């Protein structure tokens, strides 16, 4: 006997991925920074996705259409005036230097430390790994590009290190 039945078919599409990127703008006195995080969606599935709902493990879900072959960058997180520490760290095991054998001086690695804690203005969720671009305020209403680093996954309570050079 034939009957009408309502069914729902779902499947996972291949070749849809996401990246997380950060933009950090450091105050001229290097005491704190403003942090913005972006989700970059890339759709190489061959399917057009009409208005679809996207959500990371945290934060608000959002809806957008993503066409086949399209890449979209969406800001999903901002935090202002986050205190940072500037650290100069020399580890002779990682960067051996013998002044008797070296013709030039060695660079000292420098990085900013940002704590992923509630007291520091973050701490609601882990920070995903991703590309971080750092800029510095120049004191004249503009910014200067400093460096690009790969930020590591940073759980709540841990410290994110952003390398700014030697």
N, C-alpha and C. Protein backbone atom coordinates (compact mmCIF):
# COMPACT_ATOMS: atom_id res chain seq x y z
N UNK A 1 0.86 -1.16 0.00
CA UNK A 1 0.00 0.00 0.00
C UNK A 1 0.91 1.23 0.00
N UNK A 2 0.66 2.12 -0.92
CA UNK A 2 1.45 3.33 -1.02
C UNK A 2 1.00 4.37 -0.01
N UNK A 3 1.94 5.13 0.49
CA UNK A 3 1.60 6.22 1.39
C UNK A 3 2.62 7.34 1.26
N UNK A 4 2.21 8.48 1.64
CA UNK A 4 3.08 9.64 1.56
C UNK A 4 3.82 9.78 2.89
N UNK A 5 5.16 9.93 2.80
CA UNK A 5 5.99 10.05 3.99
C UNK A 5 6.91 11.25 3.82
N UNK A 6 7.02 12.04 4.84
CA UNK A 6 7.92 13.20 4.80
C UNK A 6 9.30 12.75 5.30
N UNK A 7 10.33 13.03 4.51
CA UNK A 7 11.69 12.65 4.90
C UNK A 7 12.61 13.86 4.80
N UNK A 8 13.70 13.77 5.48
CA UNK A 8 14.72 14.81 5.42
C UNK A 8 16.03 14.13 5.03
N UNK A 9 16.64 14.63 3.98
CA UNK A 9 17.91 14.08 3.52
C UNK A 9 18.99 15.10 3.84
N UNK A 10 20.04 14.66 4.48
CA UNK A 10 21.15 15.56 4.77
C UNK A 10 22.45 14.87 4.38
N UNK A 11 23.43 15.67 4.04
CA UNK A 11 24.73 15.14 3.67
C UNK A 11 25.78 16.21 3.91
N UNK A 12 27.01 15.78 3.98
CA UNK A 12 28.11 16.71 4.18
C UNK A 12 28.77 16.99 2.84
N UNK A 13 29.02 18.23 2.57
CA UNK A 13 29.70 18.61 1.34
C UNK A 13 31.21 18.56 1.58
N UNK A 14 31.91 18.15 0.57
CA UNK A 14 33.37 18.17 0.58
C UNK A 14 33.87 19.52 0.11
N UNK A 15 35.09 19.84 0.43
CA UNK A 15 35.79 21.01 -0.08
C UNK A 15 35.18 22.34 0.33
N UNK A 16 34.65 22.38 1.54
CA UNK A 16 34.27 23.65 2.17
C UNK A 16 35.15 23.74 3.41
N UNK A 17 35.90 24.81 3.50
CA UNK A 17 36.74 24.94 4.68
C UNK A 17 36.69 26.35 5.23
N UNK A 18 37.33 26.51 6.36
CA UNK A 18 37.36 27.80 7.00
C UNK A 18 38.75 28.06 7.54
N UNK A 19 39.08 29.33 7.58
CA UNK A 19 40.32 29.80 8.18
C UNK A 19 39.95 30.89 9.18
N UNK A 20 40.79 31.06 10.16
CA UNK A 20 40.61 32.16 11.10
C UNK A 20 41.80 33.10 10.92
N UNK A 21 41.53 34.38 10.87
CA UNK A 21 42.58 35.39 10.72
C UNK A 21 42.37 36.47 11.78
N UNK A 22 43.47 37.06 12.20
CA UNK A 22 43.42 38.11 13.22
C UNK A 22 44.08 39.38 12.70
N UNK A 23 43.55 40.50 13.16
CA UNK A 23 44.18 41.80 12.93
C UNK A 23 44.37 42.43 14.30
N UNK A 24 45.62 42.72 14.64
CA UNK A 24 45.94 43.32 15.93
C UNK A 24 46.56 44.69 15.68
N UNK A 25 46.00 45.71 16.31
CA UNK A 25 46.54 47.07 16.20
C UNK A 25 47.09 47.45 17.58
N UNK A 26 48.40 47.64 17.63
CA UNK A 26 49.11 47.90 18.88
C UNK A 26 49.24 49.39 19.09
N UNK A 27 49.02 49.83 20.32
CA UNK A 27 49.24 51.24 20.67
C UNK A 27 50.70 51.59 20.48
N UNK A 28 50.94 52.85 20.23
CA UNK A 28 52.31 53.33 19.98
C UNK A 28 53.23 53.03 21.17
N UNK A 29 52.69 53.10 22.40
CA UNK A 29 53.52 52.83 23.58
C UNK A 29 53.62 51.33 23.90
N UNK A 30 53.01 50.48 23.06
CA UNK A 30 53.04 49.02 23.17
C UNK A 30 52.50 48.50 24.50
N UNK A 31 51.52 49.21 25.07
CA UNK A 31 50.92 48.77 26.34
C UNK A 31 49.70 47.88 26.12
N UNK A 32 48.99 48.07 25.00
CA UNK A 32 47.82 47.24 24.73
C UNK A 32 47.53 47.22 23.23
N UNK A 33 46.55 46.41 22.86
CA UNK A 33 46.19 46.30 21.46
C UNK A 33 44.70 46.08 21.30
N UNK A 34 44.20 46.35 20.10
CA UNK A 34 42.83 46.03 19.70
C UNK A 34 42.92 44.81 18.81
N UNK A 35 42.06 43.82 19.06
CA UNK A 35 42.11 42.56 18.33
C UNK A 35 40.79 42.33 17.61
N UNK A 36 40.86 42.04 16.33
CA UNK A 36 39.69 41.66 15.54
C UNK A 36 39.97 40.29 14.96
N UNK A 37 38.94 39.43 14.97
CA UNK A 37 39.08 38.10 14.41
C UNK A 37 38.09 37.92 13.28
N UNK A 38 38.54 37.26 12.23
CA UNK A 38 37.74 37.08 11.03
C UNK A 38 37.64 35.60 10.69
N UNK A 39 36.47 35.22 10.21
CA UNK A 39 36.26 33.88 9.68
C UNK A 39 36.34 34.00 8.17
N UNK A 40 37.16 33.17 7.54
CA UNK A 40 37.27 33.13 6.09
C UNK A 40 36.69 31.81 5.63
N UNK A 41 35.56 31.87 4.92
CA UNK A 41 34.91 30.67 4.38
C UNK A 41 35.31 30.50 2.93
N UNK A 42 35.68 29.27 2.55
CA UNK A 42 36.05 28.99 1.17
C UNK A 42 35.20 27.82 0.68
N UNK A 43 34.49 28.03 -0.41
CA UNK A 43 33.58 27.03 -0.95
C UNK A 43 34.10 26.54 -2.31
N UNK A 44 34.70 25.37 -2.31
CA UNK A 44 35.18 24.76 -3.55
C UNK A 44 34.42 23.45 -3.79
N UNK A 45 33.21 23.37 -3.27
CA UNK A 45 32.42 22.14 -3.34
C UNK A 45 31.74 21.92 -4.68
N UNK A 46 31.60 22.98 -5.46
CA UNK A 46 30.83 22.87 -6.70
C UNK A 46 29.35 23.16 -6.49
N UNK A 47 28.97 23.44 -5.25
CA UNK A 47 27.57 23.73 -4.90
C UNK A 47 27.44 25.18 -4.47
N UNK A 48 26.40 25.86 -4.94
CA UNK A 48 26.07 27.18 -4.42
C UNK A 48 25.30 26.98 -3.13
N UNK A 49 25.70 27.67 -2.10
CA UNK A 49 24.99 27.58 -0.83
C UNK A 49 24.15 28.84 -0.68
N UNK A 50 22.83 28.70 -0.84
CA UNK A 50 22.00 29.89 -0.60
C UNK A 50 22.15 30.27 0.86
N UNK A 51 21.41 31.22 1.30
CA UNK A 51 21.57 31.69 2.68
C UNK A 51 21.65 30.49 3.62
N UNK A 52 22.82 30.34 4.22
CA UNK A 52 23.10 29.20 5.09
C UNK A 52 23.57 29.70 6.44
N UNK A 53 23.40 28.89 7.45
CA UNK A 53 23.77 29.25 8.82
C UNK A 53 25.14 28.65 9.12
N UNK A 54 26.06 29.48 9.62
CA UNK A 54 27.41 29.06 9.97
C UNK A 54 27.67 29.38 11.43
N UNK A 55 28.42 28.50 12.10
CA UNK A 55 28.78 28.76 13.49
C UNK A 55 30.07 28.03 13.80
N UNK A 56 30.99 28.75 14.45
CA UNK A 56 32.18 28.12 14.98
C UNK A 56 31.80 27.46 16.30
N UNK A 57 32.76 26.97 17.02
CA UNK A 57 32.49 26.36 18.31
C UNK A 57 32.00 27.37 19.34
N UNK A 58 32.14 28.65 19.04
CA UNK A 58 31.76 29.70 19.98
C UNK A 58 31.25 30.89 19.19
N UNK A 59 30.70 31.84 19.89
CA UNK A 59 30.24 33.07 19.24
C UNK A 59 28.87 32.90 18.62
N UNK A 60 28.39 33.99 18.09
CA UNK A 60 27.08 34.02 17.47
C UNK A 60 27.13 33.33 16.11
N UNK A 61 26.06 32.60 15.80
CA UNK A 61 25.92 32.03 14.45
C UNK A 61 25.54 33.17 13.51
N UNK A 62 25.86 33.01 12.24
CA UNK A 62 25.49 34.03 11.27
C UNK A 62 25.06 33.35 9.98
N UNK A 63 24.28 34.08 9.21
CA UNK A 63 23.77 33.55 7.96
C UNK A 63 24.31 34.35 6.79
N UNK A 64 24.70 33.64 5.74
CA UNK A 64 25.18 34.26 4.52
C UNK A 64 25.10 33.25 3.40
N UNK A 65 25.10 33.73 2.18
CA UNK A 65 25.18 32.86 1.02
C UNK A 65 26.63 32.76 0.59
N UNK A 66 27.06 31.57 0.20
CA UNK A 66 28.41 31.37 -0.29
C UNK A 66 28.32 30.58 -1.59
N UNK A 67 28.68 31.23 -2.69
CA UNK A 67 28.59 30.59 -3.99
C UNK A 67 29.77 29.66 -4.23
N UNK A 68 29.61 28.76 -5.17
CA UNK A 68 30.69 27.85 -5.52
C UNK A 68 31.90 28.64 -6.00
N UNK A 69 33.08 28.32 -5.47
CA UNK A 69 34.30 29.01 -5.84
C UNK A 69 34.52 30.32 -5.11
N UNK A 70 33.61 30.67 -4.22
CA UNK A 70 33.68 31.97 -3.53
C UNK A 70 34.40 31.84 -2.19
N UNK A 71 35.10 32.91 -1.85
CA UNK A 71 35.73 33.03 -0.54
C UNK A 71 35.15 34.27 0.12
N UNK A 72 34.69 34.13 1.37
CA UNK A 72 34.12 35.25 2.11
C UNK A 72 34.87 35.43 3.42
N UNK A 73 35.10 36.70 3.75
CA UNK A 73 35.76 37.05 5.01
C UNK A 73 34.77 37.84 5.85
N UNK A 74 34.48 37.34 7.06
CA UNK A 74 33.50 37.97 7.93
C UNK A 74 34.08 38.18 9.32
N UNK A 75 33.92 39.37 9.86
CA UNK A 75 34.40 39.64 11.21
C UNK A 75 33.42 39.04 12.20
N UNK A 76 33.95 38.28 13.17
CA UNK A 76 33.04 37.68 14.15
C UNK A 76 33.43 37.95 15.58
N UNK A 77 34.51 38.72 15.80
CA UNK A 77 34.94 38.93 17.17
C UNK A 77 35.83 40.16 17.22
N UNK A 78 35.59 41.05 18.18
CA UNK A 78 36.47 42.18 18.42
C UNK A 78 36.67 42.35 19.93
N UNK A 79 37.84 42.80 20.29
CA UNK A 79 38.14 43.11 21.69
C UNK A 79 39.11 44.30 21.68
N UNK A 80 38.80 45.29 22.49
CA UNK A 80 39.60 46.53 22.49
C UNK A 80 40.39 46.68 23.77
N UNK A 81 41.50 47.39 23.65
CA UNK A 81 42.35 47.74 24.80
C UNK A 81 42.79 46.54 25.63
N UNK A 82 43.27 45.50 24.95
CA UNK A 82 43.76 44.32 25.65
C UNK A 82 45.20 44.55 26.09
N UNK A 83 45.48 44.40 27.40
CA UNK A 83 46.85 44.61 27.86
C UNK A 83 47.80 43.55 27.29
N UNK A 84 48.99 44.00 26.90
CA UNK A 84 50.01 43.08 26.37
C UNK A 84 51.33 43.33 27.08
N UNK A 85 52.20 42.34 26.95
CA UNK A 85 53.57 42.48 27.45
C UNK A 85 54.50 42.23 26.28
N UNK A 86 55.54 43.03 26.19
CA UNK A 86 56.56 42.84 25.16
C UNK A 86 57.72 42.10 25.79
N UNK A 87 58.14 41.00 25.15
CA UNK A 87 59.20 40.16 25.69
C UNK A 87 60.33 40.00 24.69
N UNK A 88 61.54 40.10 25.19
CA UNK A 88 62.75 39.80 24.43
C UNK A 88 63.25 38.47 24.99
N UNK A 89 63.36 37.44 24.17
CA UNK A 89 63.71 36.12 24.67
C UNK A 89 64.86 35.54 23.86
N UNK A 90 65.97 35.29 24.53
CA UNK A 90 67.10 34.66 23.85
C UNK A 90 67.30 33.28 24.45
N UNK A 91 67.26 32.25 23.63
CA UNK A 91 67.47 30.88 24.06
C UNK A 91 68.67 30.34 23.29
N UNK A 92 69.79 30.16 23.97
CA UNK A 92 71.02 29.71 23.32
C UNK A 92 70.88 28.31 22.74
N UNK A 93 69.94 27.51 23.22
CA UNK A 93 69.72 26.18 22.65
C UNK A 93 69.06 26.27 21.27
N UNK A 94 68.21 27.28 21.09
CA UNK A 94 67.52 27.44 19.81
C UNK A 94 68.32 28.28 18.82
N UNK A 95 69.11 29.21 19.35
CA UNK A 95 69.84 30.14 18.50
C UNK A 95 71.27 30.27 19.04
N UNK A 96 72.11 29.23 18.80
CA UNK A 96 73.48 29.31 19.35
C UNK A 96 74.26 30.45 18.72
N UNK A 97 75.06 31.08 19.54
CA UNK A 97 75.86 32.20 19.07
C UNK A 97 77.18 32.22 19.82
N UNK A 98 78.25 32.19 19.08
CA UNK A 98 79.58 32.25 19.67
C UNK A 98 80.25 33.52 19.14
N UNK A 99 80.47 34.52 19.98
CA UNK A 99 81.04 35.78 19.51
C UNK A 99 82.43 35.62 18.90
N UNK A 100 83.16 34.54 19.24
CA UNK A 100 84.49 34.32 18.66
C UNK A 100 84.40 33.83 17.23
N UNK A 101 83.27 33.20 16.86
CA UNK A 101 83.11 32.64 15.52
C UNK A 101 82.19 33.47 14.63
N UNK A 102 81.38 34.31 15.21
CA UNK A 102 80.39 35.06 14.43
C UNK A 102 80.97 36.37 13.90
N UNK A 103 80.61 36.70 12.66
CA UNK A 103 81.05 37.96 12.07
C UNK A 103 80.11 39.11 12.41
N UNK A 104 78.87 38.79 12.68
CA UNK A 104 77.90 39.84 13.00
C UNK A 104 77.13 39.47 14.26
N UNK A 105 76.36 40.40 14.73
CA UNK A 105 75.61 40.22 15.97
C UNK A 105 74.40 39.34 15.74
N UNK A 106 73.89 38.74 16.78
CA UNK A 106 72.70 37.89 16.69
C UNK A 106 71.46 38.71 17.03
N UNK A 107 70.35 38.41 16.36
CA UNK A 107 69.09 39.08 16.67
C UNK A 107 68.42 38.44 17.88
N UNK A 108 67.82 39.24 18.70
CA UNK A 108 67.09 38.74 19.87
C UNK A 108 65.61 38.65 19.49
N UNK A 109 65.00 37.46 19.55
CA UNK A 109 63.57 37.33 19.21
C UNK A 109 62.70 38.17 20.16
N UNK A 110 61.70 38.83 19.56
CA UNK A 110 60.79 39.70 20.31
C UNK A 110 59.37 39.26 20.02
N UNK A 111 58.53 39.22 21.06
CA UNK A 111 57.12 38.89 20.86
C UNK A 111 56.25 39.63 21.87
N UNK A 112 54.97 39.73 21.51
CA UNK A 112 53.96 40.26 22.44
C UNK A 112 53.25 39.08 23.07
N UNK A 113 52.93 39.21 24.34
CA UNK A 113 52.15 38.20 25.06
C UNK A 113 50.78 38.77 25.37
N UNK A 114 49.76 37.99 25.08
CA UNK A 114 48.37 38.37 25.30
C UNK A 114 47.69 37.22 26.04
N UNK A 115 47.20 37.48 27.25
CA UNK A 115 46.58 36.43 28.04
C UNK A 115 45.11 36.27 27.67
N UNK A 116 44.71 35.03 27.43
CA UNK A 116 43.32 34.72 27.10
C UNK A 116 42.55 34.46 28.40
N UNK A 117 42.30 35.54 29.14
CA UNK A 117 41.60 35.45 30.43
C UNK A 117 40.51 36.51 30.52
N UNK A 118 39.55 36.28 31.41
CA UNK A 118 38.48 37.26 31.65
C UNK A 118 39.04 38.58 32.14
N UNK A 119 40.02 38.53 33.04
CA UNK A 119 40.61 39.75 33.59
C UNK A 119 41.30 40.59 32.52
N UNK A 120 41.66 39.94 31.43
CA UNK A 120 42.39 40.61 30.35
C UNK A 120 41.47 41.06 29.21
N UNK A 121 40.16 40.81 29.34
CA UNK A 121 39.22 41.23 28.29
C UNK A 121 38.87 40.14 27.30
N UNK A 122 39.41 38.94 27.50
CA UNK A 122 39.10 37.79 26.64
C UNK A 122 38.54 36.69 27.53
N UNK A 123 38.98 35.45 27.36
CA UNK A 123 38.65 34.37 28.28
C UNK A 123 37.28 33.75 28.13
N UNK A 124 36.51 34.14 27.11
CA UNK A 124 35.19 33.53 26.92
C UNK A 124 35.29 32.22 26.17
N UNK A 125 36.34 32.07 25.36
CA UNK A 125 36.53 30.88 24.54
C UNK A 125 37.98 30.81 24.10
N UNK A 126 38.36 29.66 23.60
CA UNK A 126 39.71 29.50 23.06
C UNK A 126 39.87 30.37 21.82
N UNK A 127 41.09 30.76 21.55
CA UNK A 127 41.42 31.48 20.33
C UNK A 127 41.94 30.46 19.33
N UNK A 128 41.30 30.37 18.17
CA UNK A 128 41.72 29.42 17.14
C UNK A 128 43.07 29.81 16.59
N UNK A 129 43.77 28.84 16.04
CA UNK A 129 45.02 29.15 15.35
C UNK A 129 44.68 29.81 14.02
N UNK A 130 45.57 30.66 13.57
CA UNK A 130 45.34 31.35 12.31
C UNK A 130 46.37 32.43 12.05
N UNK A 131 46.29 33.02 10.90
CA UNK A 131 47.22 34.08 10.50
C UNK A 131 46.90 35.35 11.29
N UNK A 132 47.94 35.96 11.83
CA UNK A 132 47.77 37.21 12.58
C UNK A 132 48.62 38.29 11.93
N UNK A 133 47.98 39.38 11.58
CA UNK A 133 48.70 40.54 11.04
C UNK A 133 48.72 41.61 12.12
N UNK A 134 49.92 42.09 12.42
CA UNK A 134 50.07 43.10 13.46
C UNK A 134 50.41 44.45 12.84
N UNK A 135 49.74 45.47 13.37
CA UNK A 135 49.94 46.84 12.94
C UNK A 135 50.22 47.67 14.18
N UNK A 136 50.89 48.79 13.99
CA UNK A 136 51.16 49.71 15.10
C UNK A 136 50.56 51.07 14.76
N UNK A 137 49.94 51.69 15.76
CA UNK A 137 49.48 53.07 15.56
C UNK A 137 50.71 53.95 15.42
N UNK A 138 50.67 54.87 14.48
CA UNK A 138 51.85 55.69 14.22
C UNK A 138 51.84 57.04 14.94
N UNK A 139 50.78 57.32 15.70
CA UNK A 139 50.70 58.58 16.41
C UNK A 139 50.15 59.73 15.57
N UNK A 140 49.82 59.45 14.31
CA UNK A 140 49.29 60.47 13.41
C UNK A 140 47.95 60.05 12.82
N UNK A 141 47.22 59.16 13.52
CA UNK A 141 45.91 58.72 13.08
C UNK A 141 45.92 57.60 12.06
N UNK A 142 47.06 56.99 11.84
CA UNK A 142 47.17 55.90 10.88
C UNK A 142 47.90 54.73 11.52
N UNK A 143 48.06 53.65 10.76
CA UNK A 143 48.76 52.48 11.28
C UNK A 143 49.90 52.09 10.33
N UNK A 144 50.86 51.37 10.88
CA UNK A 144 52.00 50.86 10.13
C UNK A 144 51.99 49.34 10.26
N UNK A 145 52.12 48.64 9.14
CA UNK A 145 52.20 47.18 9.19
C UNK A 145 53.51 46.77 9.83
N UNK A 146 53.44 45.90 10.85
CA UNK A 146 54.64 45.43 11.53
C UNK A 146 55.10 44.08 11.00
N UNK A 147 54.21 43.11 11.07
CA UNK A 147 54.61 41.74 10.78
C UNK A 147 53.39 40.84 10.65
N UNK A 148 53.62 39.69 10.06
CA UNK A 148 52.59 38.66 9.98
C UNK A 148 53.13 37.43 10.71
N UNK A 149 52.30 36.81 11.54
CA UNK A 149 52.71 35.64 12.32
C UNK A 149 51.59 34.61 12.24
N UNK A 150 51.89 33.38 12.58
CA UNK A 150 50.87 32.34 12.69
C UNK A 150 50.57 32.16 14.17
N UNK A 151 49.38 32.58 14.56
CA UNK A 151 48.97 32.45 15.96
C UNK A 151 48.63 31.00 16.25
N UNK A 152 49.07 30.51 17.39
CA UNK A 152 48.77 29.15 17.82
C UNK A 152 47.41 29.10 18.49
N UNK A 153 46.79 27.92 18.50
CA UNK A 153 45.56 27.70 19.25
C UNK A 153 45.85 28.02 20.71
N UNK A 154 45.01 28.87 21.32
CA UNK A 154 45.26 29.32 22.69
C UNK A 154 44.02 29.10 23.55
N UNK A 155 44.03 28.05 24.40
CA UNK A 155 42.88 27.80 25.28
C UNK A 155 42.69 28.92 26.30
N UNK A 156 41.51 28.98 26.88
CA UNK A 156 41.22 29.94 27.94
C UNK A 156 42.23 29.71 29.07
N UNK A 157 42.76 30.80 29.58
CA UNK A 157 43.74 30.74 30.67
C UNK A 157 45.18 30.67 30.20
N UNK A 158 45.40 30.51 28.91
CA UNK A 158 46.76 30.41 28.37
C UNK A 158 47.18 31.74 27.73
N UNK A 159 48.43 31.82 27.33
CA UNK A 159 48.99 33.05 26.76
C UNK A 159 49.29 32.86 25.28
N UNK A 160 48.80 33.79 24.49
CA UNK A 160 49.08 33.83 23.06
C UNK A 160 50.35 34.64 22.85
N UNK A 161 51.30 34.08 22.10
CA UNK A 161 52.52 34.80 21.76
C UNK A 161 52.48 35.15 20.29
N UNK A 162 52.69 36.43 20.01
CA UNK A 162 52.74 36.91 18.63
C UNK A 162 54.15 37.43 18.37
N UNK A 163 54.88 36.74 17.51
CA UNK A 163 56.27 37.09 17.23
C UNK A 163 56.30 38.33 16.32
N UNK A 164 57.10 39.31 16.73
CA UNK A 164 57.19 40.54 15.94
C UNK A 164 58.55 40.74 15.29
N UNK A 165 59.49 39.84 15.52
CA UNK A 165 60.78 39.94 14.83
C UNK A 165 61.95 39.75 15.75
N UNK A 166 63.11 40.19 15.27
CA UNK A 166 64.36 40.09 16.04
C UNK A 166 64.98 41.47 16.16
